[in-house]
Every structure is written in C-alpha cells, then in structure tokens.
C-alpha cells in the first residue's frame, strides 16, 4: 500500500485533504532522498579514496539535487503553514460576519425598547377603552348570560384586531430590515446568507 492510498483511506474526500496528502507525500520523498544522499555520501567517503574527480562528482551532487531537495522541503513546509493560517483567518472572518448580524438585530431591539414599551402601553390602554365601550353599551346584567356572552365576543373581536395590527407592524419591521440588509450587501449569494436573520418575521406570531 503506497502513501497515497493511505492518505485516501484515512482522510475525507475533499480538496483540502487531497492537497495535504500531496504535500505530505512530497515531504516524505524529500526527507527520504536527503537521508539516502547523506548515507551514500558517507559510504562513498569512507570506502573509496577521494580523488579529485570523485570529490568533484560528490560535490556537484550535493550542490545540485540535495540542495534543491532542501529548498523544496522548506518551500513545502512554508506553503503548508501559510495555507493553514489562511484557513484559520478566513474562518474567523466568516464567523465574525455571521455573528455580527445577530448582534446588530439584538442591539436594534435594545435601542427600540422604549418604543416597544410605549406600544405595549398603548395596547393596554386601547383594551381598557374597548372594555369600557362594551360595558357602556351592553352592561353586565341586562339579559343575564347573553349580555356577558356579547361582551366576551365583542372583546375578543377587538383583541384580534389589535393583535393583528401588532403582528403586521412587527412583520413590516423585519421586512424593512431585510431590504436594508440586501442594499448594504450587494453580493448576490452572500447577501442572502448574511441577511437570513432579517427573515425571522415568524417570531411576530408569538404575539398571538
């Protein structure tokens, strides 16, 4: 089984893992070549008389292929470390951009806290006005249970109208933020990814 087969079985089938396997193979081959060359040089230097021609041949081998392998090993290690650094850096950037959208929404909700509280207070006041109007029109004890039923029905109808209005306002807010996000991020695919939190208008149905 070759080194390439081991890499194919142990690593997942992706472009990044294939690139790492290629670099690993190159590194192993360079190291093996360097060790073999060093052993050959030591064996030749100790067993044969070092004539001028032999010294010239051995020197040319070490100046050419061996030094080239050393440079290749250094370049491979530097390239691999640079690729890893770039992957980590890009992952941090993507995570930061993805989280920034959620923090932006939370910040806007926090900034609009006073407005939301004012809307809730207005809803409470409108409920009280509706209740007073129904009580003034039908009373509680005019015809027994029928008046109470009419009071309940009328109140529920008014409540549904107020709640529906609140849900519509909430949906309009999310829709406006979606349009603003799409205008700020002009890249076709990335804007849909980063503007996903602006489509959470289903949260408005919690008011029901």
C-alpha atoms as a PDB file:
ATOM      1  CA  UNK A   1       0.000   0.000   0.000  1.00  0.00           C
ATOM      2  CA  UNK A   2       1.516   3.332  -1.052  1.00  0.00           C
ATOM      3  CA  UNK A   3       1.496   6.571   0.961  1.00  0.00           C
ATOM      4  CA  UNK A   4      -1.111   7.993  -1.405  1.00  0.00           C
ATOM      5  CA  UNK A   5      -3.509   5.073  -0.752  1.00  0.00           C
ATOM      6  CA  UNK A   6      -3.105   5.554   2.992  1.00  0.00           C
ATOM      7  CA  UNK A   7      -3.974   9.229   2.636  1.00  0.00           C
ATOM      8  CA  UNK A   8      -7.025   8.415   0.523  1.00  0.00           C
ATOM      9  CA  UNK A   9      -8.335   5.918   3.114  1.00  0.00           C
ATOM     10  CA  UNK A  10      -7.615   7.978   6.239  1.00  0.00           C
ATOM     11  CA  UNK A  11      -8.587  11.469   5.026  1.00  0.00           C
ATOM     12  CA  UNK A  12     -12.072  12.583   3.852  1.00  0.00           C
ATOM     13  CA  UNK A  13     -12.644  13.095   0.147  1.00  0.00           C
ATOM     14  CA  UNK A  14     -12.202  16.846  -0.144  1.00  0.00           C
ATOM     15  CA  UNK A  15      -9.894  19.201  -1.956  1.00  0.00           C
ATOM     16  CA  UNK A  16      -8.217  20.420   1.240  1.00  0.00           C
ATOM     17  CA  UNK A  17      -7.388  16.914   2.440  1.00  0.00           C
ATOM     18  CA  UNK A  18      -6.092  15.905  -1.010  1.00  0.00           C
ATOM     19  CA  UNK A  19      -3.794  18.903  -1.034  1.00  0.00           C
ATOM     20  CA  UNK A  20      -2.479  17.965   2.409  1.00  0.00           C
ATOM     21  CA  UNK A  21      -1.811  14.405   1.222  1.00  0.00           C
ATOM     22  CA  UNK A  22       0.171  15.689  -1.769  1.00  0.00           C
ATOM     23  CA  UNK A  23       2.274  17.919   0.462  1.00  0.00           C
ATOM     24  CA  UNK A  24       2.834  15.043   2.899  1.00  0.00           C
ATOM     25  CA  UNK A  25       3.989  12.772   0.078  1.00  0.00           C
ATOM     26  CA  UNK A  26       6.360  15.432  -1.217  1.00  0.00           C
ATOM     27  CA  UNK A  27       7.773  15.987   2.258  1.00  0.00           C
ATOM     28  CA  UNK A  28       8.321  12.248   2.847  1.00  0.00           C
ATOM     29  CA  UNK A  29      10.023  11.838  -0.514  1.00  0.00           C
ATOM     30  CA  UNK A  30      12.312  14.814   0.069  1.00  0.00           C
ATOM     31  CA  UNK A  31      13.308  13.576   3.514  1.00  0.00           C
ATOM     32  CA  UNK A  32      13.943  10.085   2.159  1.00  0.00           C
ATOM     33  CA  UNK A  33      16.074  11.500  -0.657  1.00  0.00           C
ATOM     34  CA  UNK A  34      18.078  13.641   1.749  1.00  0.00           C
ATOM     35  CA  UNK A  35      18.749  10.698   4.080  1.00  0.00           C
ATOM     36  CA  UNK A  36      19.684   8.433   1.172  1.00  0.00           C
ATOM     37  CA  UNK A  37      22.045  11.049  -0.241  1.00  0.00           C
ATOM     38  CA  UNK A  38      23.692  11.590   3.130  1.00  0.00           C
ATOM     39  CA  UNK A  39      24.163   7.830   3.601  1.00  0.00           C
ATOM     40  CA  UNK A  40      25.576   7.489   0.096  1.00  0.00           C
ATOM     41  CA  UNK A  41      27.988  10.322   0.699  1.00  0.00           C
ATOM     42  CA  UNK A  42      29.217   8.872   3.991  1.00  0.00           C
ATOM     43  CA  UNK A  43      29.603   5.412   2.496  1.00  0.00           C
ATOM     44  CA  UNK A  44      31.490   6.662  -0.527  1.00  0.00           C
ATOM     45  CA  UNK A  45      33.727   8.951   1.524  1.00  0.00           C
ATOM     46  CA  UNK A  46      34.757   6.165   3.908  1.00  0.00           C
ATOM     47  CA  UNK A  47      35.173   3.298   1.428  1.00  0.00           C
ATOM     48  CA  UNK A  48      36.720   4.943  -1.624  1.00  0.00           C
ATOM     49  CA  UNK A  49      39.792   7.124  -1.987  1.00  0.00           C
ATOM     50  CA  UNK A  50      38.643  10.703  -2.502  1.00  0.00           C
ATOM     51  CA  UNK A  51      40.316  11.648  -5.733  1.00  0.00           C
ATOM     52  CA  UNK A  52      39.760  14.990  -7.371  1.00  0.00           C
ATOM     53  CA  UNK A  53      37.203  13.592  -9.819  1.00  0.00           C
ATOM     54  CA  UNK A  54      35.303  11.827  -7.042  1.00  0.00           C
ATOM     55  CA  UNK A  55      35.278  14.950  -4.887  1.00  0.00           C
ATOM     56  CA  UNK A  56      34.023  16.962  -7.830  1.00  0.00           C
ATOM     57  CA  UNK A  57      31.244  14.434  -8.553  1.00  0.00           C
ATOM     58  CA  UNK A  58      30.112  14.217  -4.928  1.00  0.00           C
ATOM     59  CA  UNK A  59      30.268  17.993  -4.551  1.00  0.00           C
ATOM     60  CA  UNK A  60      28.159  18.524  -7.665  1.00  0.00           C
ATOM     61  CA  UNK A  61      25.566  16.063  -6.339  1.00  0.00           C
ATOM     62  CA  UNK A  62      25.277  17.899  -3.027  1.00  0.00           C
ATOM     63  CA  UNK A  63      25.313  21.351  -4.608  1.00  0.00           C
ATOM     64  CA  UNK A  64      22.606  20.428  -7.122  1.00  0.00           C
ATOM     65  CA  UNK A  65      19.920  17.825  -6.234  1.00  0.00           C
ATOM     66  CA  UNK A  66      20.428  17.732  -2.462  1.00  0.00           C
ATOM     67  CA  UNK A  67      20.282  21.492  -2.024  1.00  0.00           C
ATOM     68  CA  UNK A  68      17.297  21.577  -4.368  1.00  0.00           C
ATOM     69  CA  UNK A  69      15.501  18.997  -2.210  1.00  0.00           C
ATOM     70  CA  UNK A  70      16.267  21.054   0.889  1.00  0.00           C
ATOM     71  CA  UNK A  71      14.780  24.158  -0.713  1.00  0.00           C
ATOM     72  CA  UNK A  72      11.734  22.161  -1.793  1.00  0.00           C
ATOM     73  CA  UNK A  73      11.197  20.878   1.745  1.00  0.00           C
ATOM     74  CA  UNK A  74      11.399  24.393   3.160  1.00  0.00           C
ATOM     75  CA  UNK A  75       9.051  25.736   0.494  1.00  0.00           C
ATOM     76  CA  UNK A  76       6.560  22.907   1.115  1.00  0.00           C
ATOM     77  CA  UNK A  77       6.578  23.499   4.881  1.00  0.00           C
ATOM     78  CA  UNK A  78       6.167  27.255   4.405  1.00  0.00           C
ATOM     79  CA  UNK A  79       3.310  26.796   1.917  1.00  0.00           C
ATOM     80  CA  UNK A  80       1.507  24.340   4.202  1.00  0.00           C
ATOM     81  CA  UNK A  81       1.795  26.665   7.201  1.00  0.00           C
ATOM     82  CA  UNK A  82       0.560  29.602   5.114  1.00  0.00           C
ATOM     83  CA  UNK A  83      -2.463  27.608   3.928  1.00  0.00           C
ATOM     84  CA  UNK A  84      -3.359  26.665   7.499  1.00  0.00           C
ATOM     85  CA  UNK A  85      -3.013  30.273   8.650  1.00  0.00           C
ATOM     86  CA  UNK A  86      -5.227  31.476   5.810  1.00  0.00           C
ATOM     87  CA  UNK A  87      -7.897  28.878   6.602  1.00  0.00           C
ATOM     88  CA  UNK A  88      -7.964  29.904  10.264  1.00  0.00           C
ATOM     89  CA  UNK A  89      -8.082  33.591   9.332  1.00  0.00           C
ATOM     90  CA  UNK A  90     -10.909  33.115   6.825  1.00  0.00           C
ATOM     91  CA  UNK A  91     -12.894  31.018   9.311  1.00  0.00           C
ATOM     92  CA  UNK A  92     -12.624  33.787  11.885  1.00  0.00           C
ATOM     93  CA  UNK A  93     -13.781  36.388   9.363  1.00  0.00           C
ATOM     94  CA  UNK A  94     -16.788  34.304   8.291  1.00  0.00           C
ATOM     95  CA  UNK A  95     -17.794  33.627  11.897  1.00  0.00           C
ATOM     96  CA  UNK A  96     -17.445  37.308  12.817  1.00  0.00           C
ATOM     97  CA  UNK A  97     -19.591  38.424   9.862  1.00  0.00           C
ATOM     98  CA  UNK A  98     -22.240  35.794  10.618  1.00  0.00           C
ATOM     99  CA  UNK A  99     -22.482  36.718  14.308  1.00  0.00           C
ATOM    100  CA  UNK A 100     -22.452  40.466  13.632  1.00  0.00           C
ATOM    101  CA  UNK A 101     -25.905  40.256  12.005  1.00  0.00           C
ATOM    102  CA  UNK A 102     -27.431  38.688  15.120  1.00  0.00           C
ATOM    103  CA  UNK A 103     -25.758  41.191  17.420  1.00  0.00           C
ATOM    104  CA  UNK A 104     -26.974  44.005  15.176  1.00  0.00           C
ATOM    105  CA  UNK A 105     -30.578  42.812  15.499  1.00  0.00           C
ATOM    106  CA  UNK A 106     -30.281  42.459  19.270  1.00  0.00           C
ATOM    107  CA  UNK A 107     -28.805  45.947  19.520  1.00  0.00           C
ATOM    108  CA  UNK A 108     -31.633  47.440  17.472  1.00  0.00           C
ATOM    109  CA  UNK A 109     -34.189  45.639  19.607  1.00  0.00           C
ATOM    110  CA  UNK A 110     -32.494  47.022  22.691  1.00  0.00           C
ATOM    111  CA  UNK A 111     -32.460  50.517  21.201  1.00  0.00           C
ATOM    112  CA  UNK A 112     -36.172  50.242  20.367  1.00  0.00           C
ATOM    113  CA  UNK A 113     -37.041  49.074  23.870  1.00  0.00           C
ATOM    114  CA  UNK A 114     -38.719  52.374  24.748  1.00  0.00           C
ATOM    115  CA  UNK A 115     -40.821  52.253  21.583  1.00  0.00           C
ATOM    116  CA  UNK A 116     -41.900  48.668  22.266  1.00  0.00           C
ATOM    117  CA  UNK A 117     -42.856  49.555  25.824  1.00  0.00           C
ATOM    118  CA  UNK A 118     -44.841  52.525  24.542  1.00  0.00           C
ATOM    119  CA  UNK A 119     -46.658  50.296  22.036  1.00  0.00           C
ATOM    120  CA  UNK A 120     -47.462  47.789  24.773  1.00  0.00           C
ATOM    121  CA  UNK A 121     -48.824  50.581  26.968  1.00  0.00           C
ATOM    122  CA  UNK A 122     -50.949  51.878  24.102  1.00  0.00           C
ATOM    123  CA  UNK A 123     -52.332  48.388  23.527  1.00  0.00           C
ATOM    124  CA  UNK A 124     -53.245  48.122  27.203  1.00  0.00           C
ATOM    125  CA  UNK A 125     -54.999  51.485  27.077  1.00  0.00           C
ATOM    126  CA  UNK A 126     -56.897  50.514  23.954  1.00  0.00           C
ATOM    127  CA  UNK A 127     -58.044  47.308  25.605  1.00  0.00           C
ATOM    128  CA  UNK A 128     -59.319  49.342  28.525  1.00  0.00           C
ATOM    129  CA  UNK A 129     -61.163  51.710  26.170  1.00  0.00           C
ATOM    130  CA  UNK A 130     -62.717  48.758  24.342  1.00  0.00           C
ATOM    131  CA  UNK A 131     -63.781  47.213  27.622  1.00  0.00           C
ATOM    132  CA  UNK A 132     -65.380  50.453  28.785  1.00  0.00           C
ATOM    133  CA  UNK A 133     -67.221  50.858  25.483  1.00  0.00           C
ATOM    134  CA  UNK A 134     -68.603  47.317  25.587  1.00  0.00           C
ATOM    135  CA  UNK A 135     -69.636  47.680  29.218  1.00  0.00           C
ATOM    136  CA  UNK A 136     -71.319  51.003  28.488  1.00  0.00           C
ATOM    137  CA  UNK A 137     -73.183  49.571  25.507  1.00  0.00           C
ATOM    138  CA  UNK A 138     -74.251  46.174  26.849  1.00  0.00           C
ATOM    139  CA  UNK A 139     -73.622  46.244  30.580  1.00  0.00           C
ATOM    140  CA  UNK A 140     -73.195  43.130  32.649  1.00  0.00           C
ATOM    141  CA  UNK A 141     -76.667  42.177  33.827  1.00  0.00           C
ATOM    142  CA  UNK A 142     -79.179  43.401  31.247  1.00  0.00           C
ATOM    143  CA  UNK A 143     -80.226  39.960  29.977  1.00  0.00           C
ATOM    144  CA  UNK A 144     -78.246  37.577  32.123  1.00  0.00           C
ATOM    145  CA  UNK A 145     -75.734  35.368  30.389  1.00  0.00           C
ATOM    146  CA  UNK A 146     -76.437  36.720  26.880  1.00  0.00           C
ATOM    147  CA  UNK A 147     -75.014  40.132  27.744  1.00  0.00           C
ATOM    148  CA  UNK A 148     -71.907  38.514  29.175  1.00  0.00           C
ATOM    149  CA  UNK A 149     -71.513  36.441  26.018  1.00  0.00           C
ATOM    150  CA  UNK A 150     -71.886  39.510  23.820  1.00  0.00           C
ATOM    151  CA  UNK A 151     -69.347  41.302  25.987  1.00  0.00           C
ATOM    152  CA  UNK A 152     -66.878  38.426  25.608  1.00  0.00           C
ATOM    153  CA  UNK A 153     -67.438  38.156  21.855  1.00  0.00           C
ATOM    154  CA  UNK A 154     -67.055  41.879  21.307  1.00  0.00           C
ATOM    155  CA  UNK A 155     -63.905  41.988  23.423  1.00  0.00           C
ATOM    156  CA  UNK A 156     -62.345  39.047  21.576  1.00  0.00           C
ATOM    157  CA  UNK A 157     -63.066  40.655  18.216  1.00  0.00           C
ATOM    158  CA  UNK A 158     -61.427  43.882  19.303  1.00  0.00           C
ATOM    159  CA  UNK A 159     -58.482  41.954  20.749  1.00  0.00           C
ATOM    160  CA  UNK A 160     -57.974  40.072  17.499  1.00  0.00           C
ATOM    161  CA  UNK A 161     -57.901  43.328  15.585  1.00  0.00           C
ATOM    162  CA  UNK A 162     -55.332  44.884  17.912  1.00  0.00           C
ATOM    163  CA  UNK A 163     -53.133  41.776  17.905  1.00  0.00           C
ATOM    164  CA  UNK A 164     -53.311  41.510  14.119  1.00  0.00           C
ATOM    165  CA  UNK A 165     -52.253  45.122  13.813  1.00  0.00           C
ATOM    166  CA  UNK A 166     -49.288  44.484  16.114  1.00  0.00           C
ATOM    167  CA  UNK A 167     -48.225  41.401  14.146  1.00  0.00           C
ATOM    168  CA  UNK A 168     -48.412  43.357  10.899  1.00  0.00           C
ATOM    169  CA  UNK A 169     -46.246  46.132  12.322  1.00  0.00           C
ATOM    170  CA  UNK A 170     -43.694  43.589  13.513  1.00  0.00           C
ATOM    171  CA  UNK A 171     -43.612  41.885  10.097  1.00  0.00           C
ATOM    172  CA  UNK A 172     -43.188  45.249   8.384  1.00  0.00           C
ATOM    173  CA  UNK A 173     -40.197  45.964  10.658  1.00  0.00           C
ATOM    174  CA  UNK A 174     -38.481  42.719   9.675  1.00  0.00           C
ATOM    175  CA  UNK A 175     -39.314  43.325   6.010  1.00  0.00           C
ATOM    176  CA  UNK A 176     -37.744  46.783   6.140  1.00  0.00           C
ATOM    177  CA  UNK A 177     -34.590  45.432   7.784  1.00  0.00           C
ATOM    178  CA  UNK A 178     -34.373  42.752   5.092  1.00  0.00           C
ATOM    179  CA  UNK A 179     -34.477  45.372   2.334  1.00  0.00           C
ATOM    180  CA  UNK A 180     -31.830  47.472   4.092  1.00  0.00           C
ATOM    181  CA  UNK A 181     -29.550  44.452   4.504  1.00  0.00           C
ATOM    182  CA  UNK A 182     -29.928  43.478   0.841  1.00  0.00           C
ATOM    183  CA  UNK A 183     -28.974  47.008  -0.196  1.00  0.00           C
ATOM    184  CA  UNK A 184     -25.925  47.135   2.075  1.00  0.00           C
ATOM    185  CA  UNK A 185     -24.581  43.708   0.984  1.00  0.00           C
ATOM    186  CA  UNK A 186     -24.696  43.759  -2.810  1.00  0.00           C
ATOM    187  CA  UNK A 187     -23.158  40.319  -3.472  1.00  0.00           C
ATOM    188  CA  UNK A 188     -25.991  38.072  -4.759  1.00  0.00           C
ATOM    189  CA  UNK A 189     -25.373  34.884  -2.759  1.00  0.00           C
ATOM    190  CA  UNK A 190     -23.629  36.261   0.311  1.00  0.00           C
ATOM    191  CA  UNK A 191     -26.369  38.807   0.993  1.00  0.00           C
ATOM    192  CA  UNK A 192     -28.973  36.034   1.276  1.00  0.00           C
ATOM    193  CA  UNK A 193     -26.728  34.153   3.717  1.00  0.00           C
ATOM    194  CA  UNK A 194     -25.945  37.108   5.962  1.00  0.00           C
ATOM    195  CA  UNK A 195     -29.462  38.588   5.801  1.00  0.00           C
ATOM    196  CA  UNK A 196     -31.171  35.379   6.956  1.00  0.00           C
ATOM    197  CA  UNK A 197     -31.866  36.783  10.476  1.00  0.00           C
ATOM    198  CA  UNK A 198     -33.942  39.520   8.839  1.00  0.00           C
ATOM    199  CA  UNK A 199     -36.447  36.865   7.702  1.00  0.00           C
ATOM    200  CA  UNK A 200     -37.374  35.823  11.241  1.00  0.00           C
ATOM    201  CA  UNK A 201     -40.765  37.519  10.936  1.00  0.00           C
ATOM    202  CA  UNK A 202     -42.360  34.310  12.211  1.00  0.00           C
ATOM    203  CA  UNK A 203     -41.339  35.489  15.672  1.00  0.00           C
ATOM    204  CA  UNK A 204     -44.081  38.090  15.380  1.00  0.00           C
ATOM    205  CA  UNK A 205     -46.683  35.317  15.611  1.00  0.00           C
ATOM    206  CA  UNK A 206     -45.688  34.846  19.254  1.00  0.00           C
ATOM    207  CA  UNK A 207     -47.903  37.855  19.975  1.00  0.00           C
ATOM    208  CA  UNK A 208     -50.922  35.749  19.054  1.00  0.00           C
END
